[in-house]
Amino acid sequence: MKKILVLGLMTFFLFSCAQKTGKEGNAENKSSETAVAKQSVIADGVKPVAVIETNLGTIKVELWPDKAPVTVENFIGLANGTKEWTDPLSGTKTKRPFYDGLIFHRVIKDFMIQGGCPLGNGTGGPGYKFEDEVYARGEEIKGEIKDDETALTVFQTVFLPYLQAGGGDRSKLDKDIMDITDACMKNNNGTAIMAHPVEYYIEKTGFKGKVYRNGKLLAPVAYGTIAMANSGPNTNGSQFFIVTKKDGTPWLDGKHTVFGKVIEGMEVAHKIEDVEKGAQDKPKEDVKIVKIRVEIPKDKK
């Protein structure tokens, strides 16, 4: 099953690379234990506004806690300096505004502008990762696995976190899980996963929680939206990107959490995408994030 191989197994290798190189993640260019607090401090119906000040102008982004509450809470905490994170340079935990002084390290015209890496090269993050918020929750998956779509969901939900935790070291991983993973890769299908019920994999991997089908897509990766960059499912941290492609990027739908949209300053985003780039799409002259602050209205308008 090609879908399993492309969306599942390839993601595992992305995870392995991330473990070995420290790569935090990117938005994919078609052309070329959650660390976030669960208790919301945002009133129902309120849409905070992130003010992103750069050396090329200011971008204002309306955030969508109704669609991505965990992601919005994380972004606000990092931006305003109310959330603890680990400085990758010193290894110490701190609680100061995360984004101030960082750069847009990856800029691709007619695609997106990406920032939020504390190392300035796309390999850094806040020292933790958290889950995606891309689909509404569908029905719970129980018992036999009878089709490719269900196998993919089980692989992404149960297998991938387990494989990632092992860092690619087979000696740390269950032999049966690895044999099934190998069979999926060799045969290019998900038949091997269908050999056991969901409960078997939950027990084998020590997965905590339930497995659900994907429901409705919460938000497309459309023009002007802000979304989380990642290195595979459930690897969000601090890096984000703003879409500058007028037609949007539908190939990224369901792969990146969308948590807001630009309401002012889109011309600044376009100005940033037009700067001269060097290797790895990095601007030759730094495009700096002077600071990001999020304003939280007390009541909905």
Protein backbone atom coordinates (compact mmCIF):
# COMPACT_ATOMS: atom_id res chain seq x y z
CA MET A 1 0.00 0.00 0.00
CA LYS A 2 1.73 3.13 -1.24
CA LYS A 3 -0.08 5.41 1.16
CA ILE A 4 1.36 3.53 4.14
CA LEU A 5 4.85 3.69 2.70
CA VAL A 6 4.77 7.34 1.70
CA LEU A 7 2.94 8.82 4.67
CA GLY A 8 3.98 6.34 7.30
CA LEU A 9 7.32 4.68 6.76
CA MET A 10 8.93 7.72 5.14
CA THR A 11 7.86 9.69 8.19
CA PHE A 12 9.64 7.16 10.38
CA PHE A 13 12.87 7.80 8.51
CA LEU A 14 12.29 11.53 8.93
CA PHE A 15 11.97 10.85 12.63
CA SER A 16 15.21 8.87 12.62
CA CYS A 17 17.01 11.72 10.88
CA ALA A 18 15.54 14.18 13.34
CA GLN A 19 16.84 12.11 16.24
CA LYS A 20 20.34 11.93 14.78
CA THR A 21 20.73 15.45 13.39
CA GLY A 22 18.48 17.45 15.67
CA LYS A 23 16.34 18.52 12.69
CA GLU A 24 13.19 20.17 13.92
CA GLY A 25 11.17 20.31 10.74
CA ASN A 26 10.01 22.06 7.59
CA ALA A 27 6.97 22.73 5.52
CA GLU A 28 7.21 20.46 2.49
CA ASN A 29 7.58 22.30 -0.82
CA LYS A 30 5.73 20.37 -3.52
CA SER A 31 7.76 22.16 -6.10
CA SER A 32 11.11 21.22 -5.18
CA GLU A 33 3.77 13.24 26.37
CA THR A 34 2.50 16.75 25.16
CA ALA A 35 4.45 19.56 26.76
CA VAL A 36 1.67 22.09 26.27
CA ALA A 37 -0.67 23.03 29.08
CA LYS A 38 -4.16 21.64 28.56
CA GLN A 39 -6.02 24.31 30.52
CA SER A 40 -6.96 27.20 28.25
CA VAL A 41 -6.62 30.78 29.40
CA ILE A 42 -8.58 32.00 26.38
CA ALA A 43 -12.31 32.63 26.75
CA ASP A 44 -14.66 30.93 24.31
CA GLY A 45 -15.11 32.86 21.10
CA VAL A 46 -12.04 35.04 21.65
CA LYS A 47 -9.46 35.20 18.86
CA PRO A 48 -6.06 36.47 20.03
CA VAL A 49 -3.92 38.54 17.66
CA ALA A 50 -0.20 37.87 17.24
CA VAL A 51 1.83 40.94 16.31
CA ILE A 52 4.97 39.83 14.47
CA GLU A 53 7.43 42.71 14.20
CA THR A 54 10.21 42.17 11.65
CA ASN A 55 12.93 44.39 10.26
CA LEU A 56 10.89 44.56 7.05
CA GLY A 57 7.56 45.47 8.64
CA THR A 58 4.80 44.15 10.89
CA ILE A 59 2.46 41.22 10.29
CA LYS A 60 -0.68 40.73 12.38
CA VAL A 61 -2.13 37.25 12.66
CA GLU A 62 -5.52 36.27 14.05
CA LEU A 63 -5.12 33.02 16.02
CA TRP A 64 -7.74 30.27 16.04
CA PRO A 65 -8.01 28.57 19.44
CA ASP A 66 -11.32 27.07 18.35
CA LYS A 67 -9.50 25.00 15.72
CA ALA A 68 -6.11 24.44 17.35
CA PRO A 69 -6.28 25.21 21.10
CA VAL A 70 -3.09 23.37 22.09
CA THR A 71 -1.08 24.99 19.31
CA VAL A 72 -2.39 28.47 20.06
CA GLU A 73 -1.68 28.10 23.78
CA ASN A 74 1.87 26.99 22.94
CA PHE A 75 2.47 29.88 20.54
CA ILE A 76 1.16 32.43 23.03
CA GLY A 77 3.25 31.01 25.87
CA LEU A 78 6.45 31.07 23.81
CA ALA A 79 5.80 34.49 22.28
CA ASN A 80 4.83 36.22 25.52
CA GLY A 81 7.44 34.49 27.66
CA THR A 82 5.00 32.71 29.95
CA LYS A 83 5.94 29.16 28.94
CA GLU A 84 9.12 27.36 29.95
CA TRP A 85 11.41 26.09 27.20
CA THR A 86 14.94 24.74 26.92
CA ASP A 87 17.62 26.93 25.36
CA PRO A 88 19.40 24.68 22.82
CA LEU A 89 22.62 26.67 23.14
CA SER A 90 22.99 26.44 26.91
CA GLY A 91 20.76 23.46 27.69
CA THR A 92 19.10 25.43 30.49
CA LYS A 93 15.39 25.89 31.01
CA THR A 94 14.12 29.44 30.72
CA LYS A 95 10.92 31.43 30.56
CA ARG A 96 11.47 34.48 28.37
CA PRO A 97 9.98 35.55 25.02
CA PHE A 98 11.12 32.80 22.67
CA TYR A 99 10.85 34.42 19.24
CA ASP A 100 12.53 37.77 19.92
CA GLY A 101 15.65 38.18 17.78
CA LEU A 102 15.17 35.01 15.70
CA ILE A 103 15.10 35.02 11.88
CA PHE A 104 13.08 33.71 8.99
CA HIS A 105 15.56 31.00 8.06
CA ARG A 106 13.71 29.46 5.10
CA VAL A 107 11.98 31.56 2.47
CA ILE A 108 10.55 30.25 -0.81
CA LYS A 109 8.79 32.57 -3.26
CA ASP A 110 5.22 31.61 -4.12
CA PHE A 111 5.21 29.11 -1.26
CA MET A 112 5.94 30.28 2.29
CA ILE A 113 8.19 32.03 4.80
CA GLN A 114 9.39 29.98 7.79
CA GLY A 115 10.79 31.04 11.14
CA GLY A 116 10.88 30.13 14.81
CA CYS A 117 14.14 28.18 14.98
CA PRO A 118 16.36 29.28 17.90
CA LEU A 119 19.45 28.09 16.01
CA GLY A 120 18.53 29.88 12.80
CA ASN A 121 18.98 26.85 10.56
CA GLY A 122 15.79 24.80 10.92
CA THR A 123 17.22 22.27 13.39
CA GLY A 124 16.19 23.84 16.67
CA GLY A 125 13.13 23.95 18.87
CA PRO A 126 11.90 24.59 22.41
CA GLY A 127 13.03 21.24 23.81
CA TYR A 128 9.71 19.43 23.52
CA LYS A 129 7.22 18.30 20.87
CA PHE A 130 3.45 18.16 20.84
CA GLU A 131 0.61 16.71 18.85
CA ASP A 132 -1.02 17.83 15.62
CA GLU A 133 -4.44 19.42 15.47
CA VAL A 134 -5.44 18.87 11.86
CA TYR A 135 -8.61 16.77 11.94
CA ALA A 136 -11.67 16.65 14.12
CA ARG A 137 -11.84 13.38 16.03
CA GLY A 138 -13.68 10.60 14.26
CA GLU A 139 -14.89 7.28 15.62
CA GLU A 140 -12.68 5.11 17.81
CA ILE A 141 -10.89 2.24 16.08
CA LYS A 142 -11.27 -1.11 17.83
CA GLY A 143 -10.64 -4.74 16.99
CA GLU A 144 -9.59 -6.00 13.58
CA ILE A 145 -7.79 -3.82 11.07
CA LYS A 146 -9.44 -4.54 7.73
CA ASP A 147 -8.38 -1.80 5.32
CA ASP A 148 -5.42 0.31 4.28
CA GLU A 149 -6.78 3.57 5.68
CA THR A 150 -7.21 2.04 9.12
CA ALA A 151 -3.73 0.50 8.93
CA LEU A 152 -2.26 3.91 8.11
CA THR A 153 -4.04 5.51 11.05
CA VAL A 154 -2.79 2.83 13.45
CA PHE A 155 0.73 3.17 12.07
CA GLN A 156 0.78 6.94 12.49
CA THR A 157 -0.93 6.97 15.87
CA VAL A 158 0.62 3.95 17.59
CA PHE A 159 3.71 2.83 15.68
CA LEU A 160 5.38 6.16 14.94
CA PRO A 161 5.62 7.52 18.51
CA TYR A 162 7.02 4.15 19.59
CA LEU A 163 9.57 4.01 16.78
CA GLN A 164 10.59 7.60 17.38
CA ALA A 165 11.12 6.94 21.08
CA GLY A 166 13.56 4.20 20.10
CA GLY A 167 15.54 6.63 17.97
CA GLY A 168 16.00 4.03 15.23
CA ASP A 169 17.83 1.65 17.62
CA ARG A 170 16.32 -1.77 16.92
CA SER A 171 17.71 -3.17 20.17
CA LYS A 172 15.33 -0.89 22.06
CA LEU A 173 12.27 -1.89 20.03
CA ASP A 174 9.94 -4.88 20.11
CA LYS A 175 10.96 -7.48 17.50
CA ASP A 176 7.42 -8.13 16.31
CA ILE A 177 6.74 -4.42 15.80
CA MET A 178 9.97 -4.08 13.83
CA ASP A 179 9.22 -7.19 11.75
CA ILE A 180 5.80 -5.77 10.86
CA THR A 181 7.35 -2.42 9.99
CA ASP A 182 9.92 -4.15 7.79
CA ALA A 183 7.20 -6.18 6.06
CA CYS A 184 5.20 -3.05 5.27
CA MET A 185 8.28 -1.48 3.75
CA LYS A 186 9.30 -4.57 1.78
CA ASN A 187 5.83 -5.29 0.39
CA ASN A 188 4.79 -1.67 -0.03
CA ASN A 189 1.46 -2.32 1.68
CA GLY A 190 -0.16 -2.51 5.09
CA THR A 191 -1.11 -6.17 5.07
CA ALA A 192 1.29 -7.02 7.89
CA ILE A 193 -0.42 -4.52 10.19
CA MET A 194 -3.74 -6.22 9.53
CA ALA A 195 -2.47 -9.44 11.14
CA HIS A 196 -3.42 -8.25 14.63
CA PRO A 197 -6.17 -6.13 16.21
CA VAL A 198 -5.54 -2.57 17.37
CA GLU A 199 -5.43 -3.67 21.00
CA TYR A 200 -2.42 -5.89 20.27
CA TYR A 201 -0.35 -2.93 19.09
CA ILE A 202 -1.49 -0.73 21.95
CA GLU A 203 -0.26 -3.35 24.43
CA LYS A 204 2.98 -4.08 22.54
CA THR A 205 4.03 -0.44 22.29
CA GLY A 206 2.70 0.74 25.63
CA PHE A 207 0.59 3.36 23.84
CA LYS A 208 -1.44 5.46 26.24
CA GLY A 209 -4.82 6.44 24.93
CA LYS A 210 -7.23 5.42 22.20
CA VAL A 211 -6.96 5.33 18.42
CA TYR A 212 -9.42 7.36 16.37
CA ARG A 213 -10.21 7.79 12.72
CA ASN A 214 -9.72 11.21 11.23
CA GLY A 215 -12.84 13.34 11.09
CA LYS A 216 -13.29 16.57 9.15
CA LEU A 217 -10.22 18.64 8.23
CA LEU A 218 -10.13 21.53 10.71
CA ALA A 219 -8.50 24.06 8.38
CA PRO A 220 -6.74 23.91 4.99
CA VAL A 221 -3.20 25.22 4.54
CA ALA A 222 -4.50 28.20 2.56
CA TYR A 223 -3.07 31.54 1.42
CA GLY A 224 -2.21 33.76 4.36
CA THR A 225 -2.56 31.07 7.00
CA ILE A 226 0.02 30.39 9.69
CA ALA A 227 0.85 26.73 10.34
CA MET A 228 3.32 24.67 12.32
CA ALA A 229 6.40 23.28 10.59
CA ASN A 230 7.25 19.73 11.58
CA SER A 231 9.32 16.63 10.81
CA GLY A 232 6.36 14.29 10.71
CA PRO A 233 3.14 13.66 12.65
CA ASN A 234 3.00 15.07 16.17
CA THR A 235 6.44 16.75 16.13
CA ASN A 236 5.39 20.38 16.58
CA GLY A 237 7.58 22.69 18.63
CA SER A 238 8.22 26.34 17.82
CA GLN A 239 8.77 26.63 14.08
CA PHE A 240 5.97 28.06 11.96
CA PHE A 241 5.36 29.20 8.42
CA ILE A 242 3.07 31.68 6.67
CA VAL A 243 1.70 30.64 3.28
CA THR A 244 2.37 33.12 0.46
CA LYS A 245 1.08 30.99 -2.40
CA LYS A 246 -2.17 32.57 -3.64
CA ASP A 247 -3.76 29.21 -4.44
CA GLY A 248 -2.76 27.76 -1.09
CA THR A 249 -0.88 24.49 -0.58
CA PRO A 250 -3.49 21.70 -0.63
CA TRP A 251 -0.78 19.01 -0.68
CA LEU A 252 -0.02 20.03 2.92
CA ASP A 253 -3.63 19.73 4.13
CA GLY A 254 -3.77 17.29 7.02
CA LYS A 255 0.00 17.33 7.49
CA HIS A 256 0.47 20.67 9.25
CA THR A 257 -1.58 22.29 12.01
CA VAL A 258 -3.14 25.56 10.84
CA PHE A 259 -3.70 27.88 13.79
CA GLY A 260 -4.50 31.31 12.36
CA LYS A 261 -4.47 33.71 9.42
CA VAL A 262 -2.83 37.02 8.55
CA ILE A 263 -5.26 39.91 8.96
CA GLU A 264 -2.79 42.74 8.34
CA GLY A 265 0.63 43.01 6.73
CA MET A 266 0.46 40.31 4.08
CA GLU A 267 2.48 42.66 1.89
CA VAL A 268 5.30 42.28 4.42
CA ALA A 269 5.20 38.50 4.02
CA HIS A 270 5.50 38.97 0.27
CA LYS A 271 8.39 41.38 0.79
CA ILE A 272 10.14 38.72 2.86
CA GLU A 273 9.61 36.01 0.24
CA ASP A 274 11.19 38.29 -2.38
CA VAL A 275 14.54 38.76 -0.61
CA GLU A 276 17.68 37.29 -2.14
CA LYS A 277 18.29 33.74 -0.97
CA GLY A 278 21.36 31.58 -0.62
CA ALA A 279 21.81 27.89 0.20
CA GLN A 280 18.81 26.01 1.62
CA ASP A 281 16.51 28.94 0.80
CA LYS A 282 18.00 31.03 3.61
CA PRO A 283 17.97 34.81 3.04
CA LYS A 284 21.46 36.16 2.34
CA GLU A 285 20.74 39.04 4.69
CA ASP A 286 18.93 38.15 7.90
CA VAL A 287 15.21 38.84 7.98
CA LYS A 288 14.83 39.34 11.71
CA ILE A 289 11.86 38.74 13.96
CA VAL A 290 12.29 41.74 16.23
CA LYS A 291 9.62 40.39 18.54
CA ILE A 292 6.29 38.59 18.66
CA ARG A 293 3.62 39.43 21.20
CA VAL A 294 0.11 38.07 21.42
CA GLU A 295 -2.75 40.24 22.56
CA ILE A 296 -5.65 38.36 24.15
CA PRO A 297 -8.98 40.24 24.15
CA LYS A 298 -10.97 39.73 27.32
CA ASP A 299 -14.23 39.23 25.47
CA LYS A 300 -15.22 38.12 22.00
CA LYS A 301 -16.15 40.87 19.59
